[in-house]
Amino acid sequence: MPKTPHTKGPDETLSLLADPYRFISRQCQRLGANAFESRFLLKKTNCLKGAKAAEIFYDTTRFEREGAMPVAIQKTLLGQGGVQGLDGETHRHRKQMFMGLMTPERVRALAQLFEAEWRRAVPGWTRKGEIVFYDELHEPLTRAVCAWAGVPLPDDEAGNRAGELRALFDAAGSASPRHLWSRLARRRVDAWAKRIIEGIRAGSIGSGSGTAAYAIAWHRDRHDDLLSPHVAAVELVNVLRPTVAIAVYITFVAHALQTCSGIRAALVQQPDYAELFVQEVRRFYPFFPAVVARASQDFEWEGMAFPEGRQVVLDLYGSNHDAATWADPQEFRPERFRAWDEDSFNFIPQGGGDHYLGHRCPGEWIVLAIMKVAAHLLVNAMRYDVPDQDLSIDFARLPALPKSGFVMRNVHIGG
């Protein structure tokens, strides 16, 4: 068996944290391979990139998720006991609950609620004169998803809840004291969601039978038992948090409209262009850098050994910029999606494989619908100025964003 490529240093944790989106792909380029061995937090780790790697990574007979995610991410971004850390039939049974919420009608209803909340927020943006667009998006998203999910949210609590939900993804990967705020926010959000679950079960909170909160509160596991209040709370937050995190993608929608010529005109003139545009935003811009699993058995692939228990990291951002799949991957070109073959492993901004059977994000349809609403409003329903600012992408930040957060002035509805 040929020698497996490996990184130079004894441990690459600091290098990964310094460039979380591009470290793996840059090492692949240096080593001339799409798979190599490294060490993170002193653990031997196989790093993978590309469509073939994604296909093997999402093979549930070879990889498991239980215990794979770093504790710091479990205690902030994901919570403990949620669907992301399950395997086998237990995972598939829990995943069906989430997939049942993703009907076209329900997705459309959430998109409509978000548009209404956006329009409700604009007068406040107008009064401020200047806003950081990313900062302003979390509350409208929080209000919309809570209304959609059957989660009561008094007006005077919306700002605080939005800030806590934001902290779960916006500060989770920080090496600064912001990470501690993410952990505190996790405890607060889980406690809040637990009260909601218990209120629904006790009959003191009346969420409709078609809502996410109701479905999670009354979901029964494979043994016909209700989820514990804590686990049900984590799963409810697994509906709220990812929806609020779409603020990252919406900021990139605005960034692409500002920096890429011809996009606005195409969105106005071509009825199908919005779909191409939002998919290219998801491919081109950084969102979640990578996903982690563990080998569940000994095997070899492409000349690389995968001992049982080996930590494995799949590069999402690098795979979406793999020149073997995408021509001129560093160019923003929505038209490329006219010819996309809809392969579930070559385009993986939110994971790969089958939504129902694997660990692909169940909320992708929600992301697409809300991004399309944002593109429509920015192009057809709003007027704003974009002053001089640093719009370069900060790849060292998790999640990556324009360094300015995207500043707008003189925002108003009109046109």
Foldseek 3Di string as FASTA:
>chain_A
DDDFAEDDDQECQVVCLQFVQCPQVVVCVVRVHQWHWHHHPNAIEIEGAALVVQVVAFPLVWWAQAPWDDPLLCLFQQDPQELRRDGDPQNLLRLVLLLLLPDPVLLVQLLVQLLVLVQVCQVVCLVVQKDLQLVSQQLSLLVSQCVSQQHDDDPVCSVVLSVLLCLSQQQSSDPDCSSVSSSVSSVVQLVSLLVLLVCVVVVNRDGDCSHNSNSLSCDATPVRHRDDSSHSSSVVSVSRNVSSLLSQLLQLLVVCVVPPPPLLVCVVPPVPLLLLQSLLSLLAAAAPFKDKIATCDWDDDPNDTRHGGHIYIYGQNNLSQPCVQDPPSNDRDSVVVVPDPPAQRSHQSQGGDDSSRTSGDSCPSSSSSNSSSSNCCVNPWKDWDFDDDQQDWSSSGRVIGGPSSGMIGNIDTDD
